[in-house]
């Protein structure tokens, strides 16, 4: 199950107690920037989206900002096992959200459709 970037953002905001609007805001405080970096990291590894596409979903940020976020989260997870566990739990929560979305779409009798800008993989 591939979560949408929006589902990753929602799961991350829930874990850090942030309003969803902060994921795309210009704020750079540590309380906002760090969860945003975690969400960018998860978006890279849970979706097939390009770095520029991920940046667009986080307030039109540059691809180099996404690279910086990914590298920073990877480095911190190596040093902090508690953070690695938290990121794993957020990833699992995003997948659960995607499964609920799919179940909801199927229970309404409709076919499962993806948003035209998310969830696509090469060759599909």
PDB file of N, CA and C in Angstrom:
ATOM      1  N   UNK A   1       0.847  -1.175   0.000  1.00  0.00           N
ATOM      2  CA  UNK A   1       0.000   0.000   0.000  1.00  0.00           C
ATOM      3  C   UNK A   1       0.890   1.234   0.000  1.00  0.00           C
ATOM      4  N   UNK A   2       0.663   2.102  -0.938  1.00  0.00           N
ATOM      5  CA  UNK A   2       1.459   3.323  -1.066  1.00  0.00           C
ATOM      6  C   UNK A   2       0.622   4.496  -0.564  1.00  0.00           C
ATOM      7  N   UNK A   3       1.069   5.127   0.506  1.00  0.00           N
ATOM      8  CA  UNK A   3       0.310   6.287   0.997  1.00  0.00           C
ATOM      9  C   UNK A   3       0.536   7.510   0.108  1.00  0.00           C
ATOM     10  N   UNK A   4      -0.430   8.398   0.115  1.00  0.00           N
ATOM     11  CA  UNK A   4      -0.285   9.680  -0.545  1.00  0.00           C
ATOM     12  C   UNK A   4       0.587  10.578   0.328  1.00  0.00           C
ATOM     13  N   UNK A   5       1.215  11.555  -0.269  1.00  0.00           N
ATOM     14  CA  UNK A   5       2.021  12.477   0.515  1.00  0.00           C
ATOM     15  C   UNK A   5       1.156  13.165   1.570  1.00  0.00           C
ATOM     16  N   UNK A   6      -0.070  13.473   1.237  1.00  0.00           N
ATOM     17  CA  UNK A   6      -0.984  14.097   2.204  1.00  0.00           C
ATOM     18  C   UNK A   6      -1.197  13.196   3.419  1.00  0.00           C
ATOM     19  N   UNK A   7      -1.261  11.893   3.208  1.00  0.00           N
ATOM     20  CA  UNK A   7      -1.434  10.959   4.329  1.00  0.00           C
ATOM     21  C   UNK A   7      -0.169  10.903   5.193  1.00  0.00           C
ATOM     22  N   UNK A   8       0.985  11.003   4.565  1.00  0.00           N
ATOM     23  CA  UNK A   8       2.246  11.062   5.313  1.00  0.00           C
ATOM     24  C   UNK A   8       2.288  12.349   6.129  1.00  0.00           C
ATOM     25  N   UNK A   9       1.878  13.449   5.531  1.00  0.00           N
ATOM     26  CA  UNK A   9       1.847  14.719   6.253  1.00  0.00           C
ATOM     27  C   UNK A   9       0.895  14.651   7.441  1.00  0.00           C
ATOM     28  N   UNK A  10      -0.281  14.060   7.246  1.00  0.00           N
ATOM     29  CA  UNK A  10      -1.257  13.937   8.328  1.00  0.00           C
ATOM     30  C   UNK A  10      -0.718  13.081   9.466  1.00  0.00           C
ATOM     31  N   UNK A  11      -0.100  11.965   9.128  1.00  0.00           N
ATOM     32  CA  UNK A  11       0.447  11.071  10.151  1.00  0.00           C
ATOM     33  C   UNK A  11       1.578  11.755  10.918  1.00  0.00           C
ATOM     34  N   UNK A  12       2.403  12.515  10.217  1.00  0.00           N
ATOM     35  CA  UNK A  12       3.507  13.217  10.861  1.00  0.00           C
ATOM     36  C   UNK A  12       2.980  14.312  11.781  1.00  0.00           C
ATOM     37  N   UNK A  13       2.017  15.063  11.308  1.00  0.00           N
ATOM     38  CA  UNK A  13       1.423  16.114  12.142  1.00  0.00           C
ATOM     39  C   UNK A  13       0.781  15.525  13.395  1.00  0.00           C
ATOM     40  N   UNK A  14       0.111  14.409  13.255  1.00  0.00           N
ATOM     41  CA  UNK A  14      -0.502  13.761  14.416  1.00  0.00           C
ATOM     42  C   UNK A  14       0.558  13.344  15.430  1.00  0.00           C
ATOM     43  N   UNK A  15       1.669  12.825  14.954  1.00  0.00           N
ATOM     44  CA  UNK A  15       2.732  12.353  15.847  1.00  0.00           C
ATOM     45  C   UNK A  15       3.420  13.507  16.570  1.00  0.00           C
ATOM     46  N   UNK A  16       3.514  14.652  15.927  1.00  0.00           N
ATOM     47  CA  UNK A  16       4.213  15.795  16.523  1.00  0.00           C
ATOM     48  C   UNK A  16       3.267  16.857  17.079  1.00  0.00           C
ATOM     49  N   UNK A  17       1.959  16.632  16.964  1.00  0.00           N
ATOM     50  CA  UNK A  17       0.995  17.582  17.505  1.00  0.00           C
ATOM     51  C   UNK A  17       0.975  18.923  16.785  1.00  0.00           C
ATOM     52  N   UNK A  18       1.132  18.875  15.472  1.00  0.00           N
ATOM     53  CA  UNK A  18       1.144  20.096  14.664  1.00  0.00           C
ATOM     54  C   UNK A  18      -0.123  20.198  13.825  1.00  0.00           C
ATOM     55  N   UNK A  19      -0.582  21.420  13.560  1.00  0.00           N
ATOM     56  CA  UNK A  19      -1.653  21.573  12.574  1.00  0.00           C
ATOM     57  C   UNK A  19      -1.103  21.265  11.179  1.00  0.00           C
ATOM     58  N   UNK A  20      -1.908  20.690  10.344  1.00  0.00           N
ATOM     59  CA  UNK A  20      -1.481  20.280   9.007  1.00  0.00           C
ATOM     60  C   UNK A  20      -0.943  21.454   8.182  1.00  0.00           C
ATOM     61  N   UNK A  21      -1.483  22.621   8.373  1.00  0.00           N
ATOM     62  CA  UNK A  21      -1.060  23.793   7.599  1.00  0.00           C
ATOM     63  C   UNK A  21       0.424  24.099   7.791  1.00  0.00           C
ATOM     64  N   UNK A  22       0.997  23.679   8.913  1.00  0.00           N
ATOM     65  CA  UNK A  22       2.414  23.942   9.181  1.00  0.00           C
ATOM     66  C   UNK A  22       3.340  23.190   8.224  1.00  0.00           C
ATOM     67  N   UNK A  23       2.875  22.098   7.634  1.00  0.00           N
ATOM     68  CA  UNK A  23       3.712  21.328   6.704  1.00  0.00           C
ATOM     69  C   UNK A  23       4.077  22.147   5.470  1.00  0.00           C
ATOM     70  N   UNK A  24       3.227  23.083   5.112  1.00  0.00           N
ATOM     71  CA  UNK A  24       3.473  23.881   3.907  1.00  0.00           C
ATOM     72  C   UNK A  24       3.780  25.337   4.228  1.00  0.00           C
ATOM     73  N   UNK A  25       3.870  25.660   5.509  1.00  0.00           N
ATOM     74  CA  UNK A  25       4.109  27.050   5.901  1.00  0.00           C
ATOM     75  C   UNK A  25       5.570  27.441   5.671  1.00  0.00           C
ATOM     76  N   UNK A  26       5.832  28.723   5.781  1.00  0.00           N
ATOM     77  CA  UNK A  26       7.195  29.237   5.646  1.00  0.00           C
ATOM     78  C   UNK A  26       7.960  29.185   6.962  1.00  0.00           C
ATOM     79  N   UNK A  27       7.312  28.801   8.028  1.00  0.00           N
ATOM     80  CA  UNK A  27       7.956  28.798   9.344  1.00  0.00           C
ATOM     81  C   UNK A  27       9.157  27.864   9.362  1.00  0.00           C
ATOM     82  N   UNK A  28      10.217  28.318  10.026  1.00  0.00           N
ATOM     83  CA  UNK A  28      11.450  27.533  10.089  1.00  0.00           C
ATOM     84  C   UNK A  28      11.823  27.139  11.511  1.00  0.00           C
ATOM     85  N   UNK A  29      10.949  27.379  12.465  1.00  0.00           N
ATOM     86  CA  UNK A  29      11.272  27.006  13.846  1.00  0.00           C
ATOM     87  C   UNK A  29      11.478  25.496  13.909  1.00  0.00           C
ATOM     88  N   UNK A  30      12.310  25.076  14.840  1.00  0.00           N
ATOM     89  CA  UNK A  30      12.636  23.658  14.963  1.00  0.00           C
ATOM     90  C   UNK A  30      11.375  22.805  15.166  1.00  0.00           C
ATOM     91  N   UNK A  31      10.411  23.343  15.907  1.00  0.00           N
ATOM     92  CA  UNK A  31       9.174  22.606  16.195  1.00  0.00           C
ATOM     93  C   UNK A  31       8.373  22.308  14.934  1.00  0.00           C
ATOM     94  N   UNK A  32       8.577  23.103  13.890  1.00  0.00           N
ATOM     95  CA  UNK A  32       7.874  22.906  12.621  1.00  0.00           C
ATOM     96  C   UNK A  32       8.791  22.269  11.579  1.00  0.00           C
ATOM     97  N   UNK A  33      10.012  22.763  11.480  1.00  0.00           N
ATOM     98  CA  UNK A  33      10.931  22.305  10.428  1.00  0.00           C
ATOM     99  C   UNK A  33      11.293  20.832  10.585  1.00  0.00           C
ATOM    100  N   UNK A  34      11.524  20.389  11.809  1.00  0.00           N
ATOM    101  CA  UNK A  34      11.935  19.002  11.990  1.00  0.00           C
ATOM    102  C   UNK A  34      10.843  18.003  11.592  1.00  0.00           C
ATOM    103  N   UNK A  35       9.608  18.166  12.063  1.00  0.00           N
ATOM    104  CA  UNK A  35       8.554  17.262  11.586  1.00  0.00           C
ATOM    105  C   UNK A  35       8.375  17.312  10.069  1.00  0.00           C
ATOM    106  N   UNK A  36       8.532  18.501   9.491  1.00  0.00           N
ATOM    107  CA  UNK A  36       8.443  18.629   8.029  1.00  0.00           C
ATOM    108  C   UNK A  36       9.534  17.803   7.360  1.00  0.00           C
ATOM    109  N   UNK A  37      10.748  17.829   7.921  1.00  0.00           N
ATOM    110  CA  UNK A  37      11.845  17.035   7.366  1.00  0.00           C
ATOM    111  C   UNK A  37      11.554  15.544   7.476  1.00  0.00           C
ATOM    112  N   UNK A  38      10.983  15.128   8.595  1.00  0.00           N
ATOM    113  CA  UNK A  38      10.612  13.712   8.754  1.00  0.00           C
ATOM    114  C   UNK A  38       9.591  13.325   7.689  1.00  0.00           C
ATOM    115  N   UNK A  39       8.608  14.174   7.465  1.00  0.00           N
ATOM    116  CA  UNK A  39       7.587  13.880   6.457  1.00  0.00           C
ATOM    117  C   UNK A  39       8.200  13.826   5.051  1.00  0.00           C
ATOM    118  N   UNK A  40       9.155  14.703   4.760  1.00  0.00           N
ATOM    119  CA  UNK A  40       9.832  14.658   3.464  1.00  0.00           C
ATOM    120  C   UNK A  40      10.612  13.359   3.303  1.00  0.00           C
ATOM    121  N   UNK A  41      11.293  12.954   4.364  1.00  0.00           N
ATOM    122  CA  UNK A  41      12.033  11.688   4.358  1.00  0.00           C
ATOM    123  C   UNK A  41      11.083  10.529   4.041  1.00  0.00           C
ATOM    124  N   UNK A  42       9.962  10.479   4.737  1.00  0.00           N
ATOM    125  CA  UNK A  42       9.003   9.398   4.511  1.00  0.00           C
ATOM    126  C   UNK A  42       8.397   9.477   3.110  1.00  0.00           C
ATOM    127  N   UNK A  43       8.136  10.682   2.638  1.00  0.00           N
ATOM    128  CA  UNK A  43       7.580  10.835   1.287  1.00  0.00           C
ATOM    129  C   UNK A  43       8.536  10.269   0.244  1.00  0.00           C
ATOM    130  N   UNK A  44       9.817  10.444   0.470  1.00  0.00           N
ATOM    131  CA  UNK A  44      10.807   9.931  -0.481  1.00  0.00           C
ATOM    132  C   UNK A  44      10.811   8.407  -0.514  1.00  0.00           C
ATOM    133  N   UNK A  45      10.709   7.792   0.648  1.00  0.00           N
ATOM    134  CA  UNK A  45      10.848   6.337   0.708  1.00  0.00           C
ATOM    135  C   UNK A  45       9.527   5.579   0.672  1.00  0.00           C
ATOM    136  N   UNK A  46       8.413   6.259   0.837  1.00  0.00           N
ATOM    137  CA  UNK A  46       7.127   5.562   0.780  1.00  0.00           C
ATOM    138  C   UNK A  46       6.377   5.834  -0.516  1.00  0.00           C
ATOM    139  N   UNK A  47       6.860   6.762  -1.302  1.00  0.00           N
ATOM    140  CA  UNK A  47       6.202   7.055  -2.579  1.00  0.00           C
ATOM    141  C   UNK A  47       7.243   6.999  -3.687  1.00  0.00           C
ATOM    142  N   UNK A  48       6.775   7.063  -4.894  1.00  0.00           N
ATOM    143  CA  UNK A  48       7.680   7.075  -6.043  1.00  0.00           C
ATOM    144  C   UNK A  48       7.831   8.495  -6.590  1.00  0.00           C
ATOM    145  N   UNK A  49       7.488   9.473  -5.777  1.00  0.00           N
ATOM    146  CA  UNK A  49       7.535  10.856  -6.237  1.00  0.00           C
ATOM    147  C   UNK A  49       8.974  11.349  -6.350  1.00  0.00           C
ATOM    148  N   UNK A  50       9.193  12.221  -7.305  1.00  0.00           N
ATOM    149  CA  UNK A  50      10.512  12.828  -7.494  1.00  0.00           C
ATOM    150  C   UNK A  50      10.770  13.859  -6.390  1.00  0.00           C
ATOM    151  N   UNK A  51      12.026  14.236  -6.237  1.00  0.00           N
ATOM    152  CA  UNK A  51      12.371  15.253  -5.240  1.00  0.00           C
ATOM    153  C   UNK A  51      11.660  16.587  -5.505  1.00  0.00           C
ATOM    154  N   UNK A  52      11.611  17.060  -6.759  1.00  0.00           N
ATOM    155  CA  UNK A  52      10.866  18.302  -7.011  1.00  0.00           C
ATOM    156  C   UNK A  52       9.368  18.168  -6.680  1.00  0.00           C
ATOM    157  N   UNK A  53       8.787  17.008  -6.977  1.00  0.00           N
ATOM    158  CA  UNK A  53       7.366  16.803  -6.677  1.00  0.00           C
ATOM    159  C   UNK A  53       7.128  16.813  -5.168  1.00  0.00           C
ATOM    160  N   UNK A  54       8.030  16.199  -4.419  1.00  0.00           N
ATOM    161  CA  UNK A  54       7.906  16.218  -2.960  1.00  0.00           C
ATOM    162  C   UNK A  54       8.020  17.653  -2.470  1.00  0.00           C
ATOM    163  N   UNK A  55       8.996  18.389  -2.970  1.00  0.00           N
ATOM    164  CA  UNK A  55       9.163  19.782  -2.570  1.00  0.00           C
ATOM    165  C   UNK A  55       7.913  20.611  -2.819  1.00  0.00           C
ATOM    166  N   UNK A  56       7.252  20.390  -3.952  1.00  0.00           N
ATOM    167  CA  UNK A  56       6.023  21.125  -4.259  1.00  0.00           C
ATOM    168  C   UNK A  56       4.935  20.850  -3.230  1.00  0.00           C
ATOM    169  N   UNK A  57       4.876  19.632  -2.718  1.00  0.00           N
ATOM    170  CA  UNK A  57       3.843  19.257  -1.740  1.00  0.00           C
ATOM    171  C   UNK A  57       4.140  19.822  -0.343  1.00  0.00           C
ATOM    172  N   UNK A  58       5.315  20.365  -0.155  1.00  0.00           N
ATOM    173  CA  UNK A  58       5.704  20.939   1.134  1.00  0.00           C
ATOM    174  C   UNK A  58       5.946  22.443   1.003  1.00  0.00           C
ATOM    175  N   UNK A  59       5.028  23.127   0.373  1.00  0.00           N
ATOM    176  CA  UNK A  59       5.122  24.573   0.280  1.00  0.00           C
ATOM    177  C   UNK A  59       6.032  25.057  -0.816  1.00  0.00           C
ATOM    178  N   UNK A  60       6.109  24.303  -1.893  1.00  0.00           N
ATOM    179  CA  UNK A  60       6.894  24.675  -3.070  1.00  0.00           C
ATOM    180  C   UNK A  60       8.377  24.832  -2.740  1.00  0.00           C
ATOM    181  N   UNK A  61       8.895  23.870  -1.981  1.00  0.00           N
ATOM    182  CA  UNK A  61      10.313  23.897  -1.632  1.00  0.00           C
ATOM    183  C   UNK A  61      11.151  23.275  -2.746  1.00  0.00           C
ATOM    184  N   UNK A  62      12.389  23.713  -2.823  1.00  0.00           N
ATOM    185  CA  UNK A  62      13.326  23.245  -3.835  1.00  0.00           C
ATOM    186  C   UNK A  62      13.732  21.799  -3.565  1.00  0.00           C
ATOM    187  N   UNK A  63      14.124  21.091  -4.605  1.00  0.00           N
ATOM    188  CA  UNK A  63      14.547  19.701  -4.443  1.00  0.00           C
ATOM    189  C   UNK A  63      15.756  19.575  -3.525  1.00  0.00           C
ATOM    190  N   UNK A  64      16.617  20.604  -3.506  1.00  0.00           N
ATOM    191  CA  UNK A  64      17.796  20.550  -2.636  1.00  0.00           C
ATOM    192  C   UNK A  64      17.396  20.604  -1.160  1.00  0.00           C
ATOM    193  N   UNK A  65      16.297  21.259  -0.861  1.00  0.00           N
ATOM    194  CA  UNK A  65      15.770  21.278   0.512  1.00  0.00           C
ATOM    195  C   UNK A  65      15.312  19.883   0.910  1.00  0.00           C
ATOM    196  N   UNK A  66      14.701  19.179  -0.026  1.00  0.00           N
ATOM    197  CA  UNK A  66      14.245  17.810   0.241  1.00  0.00           C
ATOM    198  C   UNK A  66      15.458  16.909   0.479  1.00  0.00           C
ATOM    199  N   UNK A  67      16.494  17.041  -0.322  1.00  0.00           N
ATOM    200  CA  UNK A  67      17.714  16.249  -0.139  1.00  0.00           C
ATOM    201  C   UNK A  67      18.303  16.515   1.243  1.00  0.00           C
ATOM    202  N   UNK A  68      18.383  17.781   1.629  1.00  0.00           N
ATOM    203  CA  UNK A  68      18.908  18.147   2.947  1.00  0.00           C
ATOM    204  C   UNK A  68      18.079  17.492   4.055  1.00  0.00           C
ATOM    205  N   UNK A  69      16.764  17.513   3.913  1.00  0.00           N
ATOM    206  CA  UNK A  69      15.880  16.906   4.916  1.00  0.00           C
ATOM    207  C   UNK A  69      16.119  15.400   5.018  1.00  0.00           C
ATOM    208  N   UNK A  70      16.201  14.730   3.893  1.00  0.00           N
ATOM    209  CA  UNK A  70      16.393  13.275   3.873  1.00  0.00           C
ATOM    210  C   UNK A  70      17.716  12.913   4.542  1.00  0.00           C
ATOM    211  N   UNK A  71      18.778  13.591   4.153  1.00  0.00           N
ATOM    212  CA  UNK A  71      20.100  13.294   4.734  1.00  0.00           C
ATOM    213  C   UNK A  71      20.128  13.586   6.230  1.00  0.00           C
ATOM    214  N   UNK A  72      19.494  14.665   6.633  1.00  0.00           N
ATOM    215  CA  UNK A  72      19.475  15.018   8.046  1.00  0.00           C
ATOM    216  C   UNK A  72      18.721  14.001   8.887  1.00  0.00           C
ATOM    217  N   UNK A  73      17.571  13.574   8.416  1.00  0.00           N
ATOM    218  CA  UNK A  73      16.782  12.586   9.163  1.00  0.00           C
ATOM    219  C   UNK A  73      17.527  11.252   9.210  1.00  0.00           C
ATOM    220  N   UNK A  74      18.120  10.848   8.095  1.00  0.00           N
ATOM    221  CA  UNK A  74      18.890   9.595   8.085  1.00  0.00           C
ATOM    222  C   UNK A  74      20.021   9.639   9.117  1.00  0.00           C
ATOM    223  N   UNK A  75      20.746  10.738   9.164  1.00  0.00           N
ATOM    224  CA  UNK A  75      21.856  10.859  10.105  1.00  0.00           C
ATOM    225  C   UNK A  75      21.368  10.829  11.549  1.00  0.00           C
ATOM    226  N   UNK A  76      20.276  11.540  11.823  1.00  0.00           N
ATOM    227  CA  UNK A  76      19.762  11.572  13.196  1.00  0.00           C
ATOM    228  C   UNK A  76      19.197  10.226  13.625  1.00  0.00           C
ATOM    229  N   UNK A  77      18.603   9.498  12.684  1.00  0.00           N
ATOM    230  CA  UNK A  77      18.059   8.180  13.037  1.00  0.00           C
ATOM    231  C   UNK A  77      19.176   7.199  13.392  1.00  0.00           C
ATOM    232  N   UNK A  78      20.329   7.328  12.750  1.00  0.00           N
ATOM    233  CA  UNK A  78      21.465   6.460  13.075  1.00  0.00           C
ATOM    234  C   UNK A  78      21.954   6.707  14.496  1.00  0.00           C
ATOM    235  N   UNK A  79      21.862   7.953  14.942  1.00  0.00           N
ATOM    236  CA  UNK A  79      22.340   8.330  16.274  1.00  0.00           C
ATOM    237  C   UNK A  79      21.283   8.155  17.360  1.00  0.00           C
ATOM    238  N   UNK A  80      20.018   8.158  16.983  1.00  0.00           N
ATOM    239  CA  UNK A  80      18.928   8.175  17.960  1.00  0.00           C
ATOM    240  C   UNK A  80      17.915   7.061  17.664  1.00  0.00           C
ATOM    241  N   UNK A  81      18.040   5.920  18.358  1.00  0.00           N
ATOM    242  CA  UNK A  81      17.109   4.814  18.125  1.00  0.00           C
ATOM    243  C   UNK A  81      15.654   5.176  18.425  1.00  0.00           C
ATOM    244  N   UNK A  82      15.433   6.066  19.376  1.00  0.00           N
ATOM    245  CA  UNK A  82      14.053   6.475  19.685  1.00  0.00           C
ATOM    246  C   UNK A  82      13.439   7.206  18.496  1.00  0.00           C
ATOM    247  N   UNK A  83      14.225   8.035  17.840  1.00  0.00           N
ATOM    248  CA  UNK A  83      13.735   8.720  16.649  1.00  0.00           C
ATOM    249  C   UNK A  83      13.446   7.714  15.546  1.00  0.00           C
ATOM    250  N   UNK A  84      14.329   6.755  15.359  1.00  0.00           N
ATOM    251  CA  UNK A  84      14.109   5.736  14.326  1.00  0.00           C
ATOM    252  C   UNK A  84      12.797   4.992  14.580  1.00  0.00           C
ATOM    253  N   UNK A  85      12.512   4.679  15.843  1.00  0.00           N
ATOM    254  CA  UNK A  85      11.241   4.012  16.175  1.00  0.00           C
ATOM    255  C   UNK A  85      10.057   4.922  15.878  1.00  0.00           C
ATOM    256  N   UNK A  86      10.191   6.210  16.216  1.00  0.00           N
ATOM    257  CA  UNK A  86       9.099   7.150  15.967  1.00  0.00           C
ATOM    258  C   UNK A  86       8.823   7.282  14.472  1.00  0.00           C
ATOM    259  N   UNK A  87       9.868   7.369  13.673  1.00  0.00           N
ATOM    260  CA  UNK A  87       9.700   7.480  12.220  1.00  0.00           C
ATOM    261  C   UNK A  87       9.035   6.215  11.679  1.00  0.00           C
ATOM    262  N   UNK A  88       9.421   5.055  12.203  1.00  0.00           N
ATOM    263  CA  UNK A  88       8.796   3.796  11.785  1.00  0.00           C
ATOM    264  C   UNK A  88       7.312   3.788  12.134  1.00  0.00           C
ATOM    265  N   UNK A  89       6.959   4.286  13.307  1.00  0.00           N
ATOM    266  CA  UNK A  89       5.547   4.348  13.707  1.00  0.00           C
ATOM    267  C   UNK A  89       4.758   5.324  12.840  1.00  0.00           C
ATOM    268  N   UNK A  90       5.365   6.446  12.498  1.00  0.00           N
ATOM    269  CA  UNK A  90       4.694   7.403  11.616  1.00  0.00           C
ATOM    270  C   UNK A  90       4.466   6.775  10.240  1.00  0.00           C
ATOM    271  N   UNK A  91       5.464   6.068   9.738  1.00  0.00           N
ATOM    272  CA  UNK A  91       5.327   5.390   8.439  1.00  0.00           C
ATOM    273  C   UNK A  91       4.186   4.379   8.480  1.00  0.00           C
ATOM    274  N   UNK A  92       4.100   3.617   9.564  1.00  0.00           N
ATOM    275  CA  UNK A  92       3.023   2.622   9.696  1.00  0.00           C
ATOM    276  C   UNK A  92       1.669   3.315   9.765  1.00  0.00           C
ATOM    277  N   UNK A  93       1.605   4.447  10.444  1.00  0.00           N
ATOM    278  CA  UNK A  93       0.355   5.194  10.538  1.00  0.00           C
ATOM    279  C   UNK A  93      -0.066   5.719   9.169  1.00  0.00           C
ATOM    280  N   UNK A  94       0.884   6.177   8.373  1.00  0.00           N
ATOM    281  CA  UNK A  94       0.568   6.653   7.020  1.00  0.00           C
ATOM    282  C   UNK A  94       0.018   5.513   6.161  1.00  0.00           C
ATOM    283  N   UNK A  95       0.596   4.332   6.307  1.00  0.00           N
ATOM    284  CA  UNK A  95       0.106   3.173   5.548  1.00  0.00           C
ATOM    285  C   UNK A  95      -1.305   2.806   5.998  1.00  0.00           C
ATOM    286  N   UNK A  96      -1.559   2.862   7.311  1.00  0.00           N
ATOM    287  CA  UNK A  96      -2.918   2.593   7.810  1.00  0.00           C
ATOM    288  C   UNK A  96      -3.913   3.589   7.242  1.00  0.00           C
ATOM    289  N   UNK A  97      -3.520   4.839   7.150  1.00  0.00           N
ATOM    290  CA  UNK A  97      -4.401   5.848   6.559  1.00  0.00           C
ATOM    291  C   UNK A  97      -4.698   5.519   5.089  1.00  0.00           C
ATOM    292  N   UNK A  98      -3.684   5.087   4.369  1.00  0.00           N
ATOM    293  CA  UNK A  98      -3.881   4.717   2.965  1.00  0.00           C
ATOM    294  C   UNK A  98      -4.811   3.511   2.842  1.00  0.00           C
ATOM    295  N   UNK A  99      -4.666   2.545   3.747  1.00  0.00           N
ATOM    296  CA  UNK A  99      -5.533   1.366   3.714  1.00  0.00           C
ATOM    297  C   UNK A  99      -6.985   1.749   4.016  1.00  0.00           C
ATOM    298  N   UNK A 100      -7.184   2.651   4.981  1.00  0.00           N
ATOM    299  CA  UNK A 100      -8.550   3.104   5.285  1.00  0.00           C
ATOM    300  C   UNK A 100      -9.148   3.835   4.094  1.00  0.00           C
ATOM    301  N   UNK A 101      -8.338   4.639   3.417  1.00  0.00           N
ATOM    302  CA  UNK A 101      -8.821   5.350   2.228  1.00  0.00           C
ATOM    303  C   UNK A 101      -9.265   4.362   1.165  1.00  0.00           C
ATOM    304  N   UNK A 102      -8.441   3.368   0.925  1.00  0.00           N
ATOM    305  CA  UNK A 102      -8.783   2.379  -0.098  1.00  0.00           C
ATOM    306  C   UNK A 102     -10.019   1.582   0.303  1.00  0.00           C
ATOM    307  N   UNK A 103     -10.095   1.174   1.565  1.00  0.00           N
ATOM    308  CA  UNK A 103     -11.269   0.430   2.038  1.00  0.00           C
ATOM    309  C   UNK A 103     -12.533   1.270   1.899  1.00  0.00           C
ATOM    310  N   UNK A 104     -12.424   2.549   2.214  1.00  0.00           N
ATOM    311  CA  UNK A 104     -13.564   3.450   2.115  1.00  0.00           C
ATOM    312  C   UNK A 104     -14.024   3.591   0.664  1.00  0.00           C
ATOM    313  N   UNK A 105     -13.082   3.703  -0.240  1.00  0.00           N
ATOM    314  CA  UNK A 105     -13.430   3.831  -1.657  1.00  0.00           C
ATOM    315  C   UNK A 105     -14.078   2.551  -2.172  1.00  0.00           C
ATOM    316  N   UNK A 106     -13.580   1.416  -1.738  1.00  0.00           N
ATOM    317  CA  UNK A 106     -14.137   0.144  -2.192  1.00  0.00           C
ATOM    318  C   UNK A 106     -15.514  -0.100  -1.598  1.00  0.00           C
ATOM    319  N   UNK A 107     -15.723   0.321  -0.341  1.00  0.00           N
ATOM    320  CA  UNK A 107     -17.022   0.091   0.293  1.00  0.00           C
ATOM    321  C   UNK A 107     -18.106   0.960  -0.319  1.00  0.00           C
ATOM    322  N   UNK A 108     -17.736   2.063  -0.933  1.00  0.00           N
ATOM    323  CA  UNK A 108     -18.712   2.913  -1.623  1.00  0.00           C
ATOM    324  C   UNK A 108     -19.040   2.376  -3.013  1.00  0.00           C
ATOM    325  N   UNK A 109     -18.421   1.277  -3.378  1.00  0.00           N
ATOM    326  CA  UNK A 109     -18.705   0.669  -4.657  1.00  0.00           C
ATOM    327  C   UNK A 109     -17.918   1.235  -5.808  1.00  0.00           C
ATOM    328  N   UNK A 110     -17.099   2.207  -5.528  1.00  0.00           N
ATOM    329  CA  UNK A 110     -16.301   2.814  -6.587  1.00  0.00           C
ATOM    330  C   UNK A 110     -14.973   2.107  -6.720  1.00  0.00           C
ATOM    331  N   UNK A 111     -14.394   2.274  -7.873  1.00  0.00           N
ATOM    332  CA  UNK A 111     -13.069   1.692  -8.033  1.00  0.00           C
ATOM    333  C   UNK A 111     -12.061   2.589  -7.346  1.00  0.00           C
ATOM    334  N   UNK A 112     -10.956   2.025  -6.996  1.00  0.00           N
ATOM    335  CA  UNK A 112      -9.915   2.777  -6.322  1.00  0.00           C
ATOM    336  C   UNK A 112      -9.223   3.664  -7.343  1.00  0.00           C
ATOM    337  N   UNK A 113      -9.260   4.958  -7.076  1.00  0.00           N
ATOM    338  CA  UNK A 113      -8.602   5.902  -7.974  1.00  0.00           C
ATOM    339  C   UNK A 113      -7.550   6.665  -7.195  1.00  0.00           C
ATOM    340  N   UNK A 114      -6.501   7.002  -7.872  1.00  0.00           N
ATOM    341  CA  UNK A 114      -5.440   7.790  -7.272  1.00  0.00           C
ATOM    342  C   UNK A 114      -5.562   9.217  -7.750  1.00  0.00           C
ATOM    343  N   UNK A 115      -5.153  10.116  -6.901  1.00  0.00           N
ATOM    344  CA  UNK A 115      -5.082  11.515  -7.308  1.00  0.00           C
ATOM    345  C   UNK A 115      -4.080  11.604  -8.442  1.00  0.00           C
ATOM    346  N   UNK A 116      -4.341  12.407  -9.415  1.00  0.00           N
ATOM    347  CA  UNK A 116      -3.489  12.455 -10.607  1.00  0.00           C
ATOM    348  C   UNK A 116      -2.057  12.881 -10.326  1.00  0.00           C
ATOM    349  N   UNK A 117      -1.780  13.473  -9.166  1.00  0.00           N
ATOM    350  CA  UNK A 117      -0.407  13.906  -8.896  1.00  0.00           C
ATOM    351  C   UNK A 117       0.302  13.053  -7.860  1.00  0.00           C
ATOM    352  N   UNK A 118      -0.371  12.028  -7.339  1.00  0.00           N
ATOM    353  CA  UNK A 118       0.253  11.232  -6.289  1.00  0.00           C
ATOM    354  C   UNK A 118       0.044   9.741  -6.535  1.00  0.00           C
ATOM    355  N   UNK A 119       0.903   8.967  -5.912  1.00  0.00           N
ATOM    356  CA  UNK A 119       0.732   7.524  -5.858  1.00  0.00           C
ATOM    357  C   UNK A 119       1.040   6.782  -7.132  1.00  0.00           C
ATOM    358  N   UNK A 120       1.556   7.446  -8.151  1.00  0.00           N
ATOM    359  CA  UNK A 120       1.856   6.763  -9.394  1.00  0.00           C
ATOM    360  C   UNK A 120       3.276   6.223  -9.350  1.00  0.00           C
ATOM    361  N   UNK A 121       3.477   5.083  -9.953  1.00  0.00           N
ATOM    362  CA  UNK A 121       4.813   4.502 -10.078  1.00  0.00           C
ATOM    363  C   UNK A 121       5.100   4.342 -11.559  1.00  0.00           C
ATOM    364  N   UNK A 122       6.362   4.343 -11.869  1.00  0.00           N
ATOM    365  CA  UNK A 122       6.748   4.142 -13.266  1.00  0.00           C
ATOM    366  C   UNK A 122       6.234   2.783 -13.739  1.00  0.00           C
ATOM    367  N   UNK A 123       5.715   2.748 -14.927  1.00  0.00           N
ATOM    368  CA  UNK A 123       5.253   1.489 -15.506  1.00  0.00           C
ATOM    369  C   UNK A 123       3.800   1.161 -15.197  1.00  0.00           C
ATOM    370  N   UNK A 124       3.109   2.050 -14.506  1.00  0.00           N
ATOM    371  CA  UNK A 124       1.689   1.786 -14.215  1.00  0.00           C
ATOM    372  C   UNK A 124       0.809   2.544 -15.157  1.00  0.00           C
TER     373      UNK A 124
END
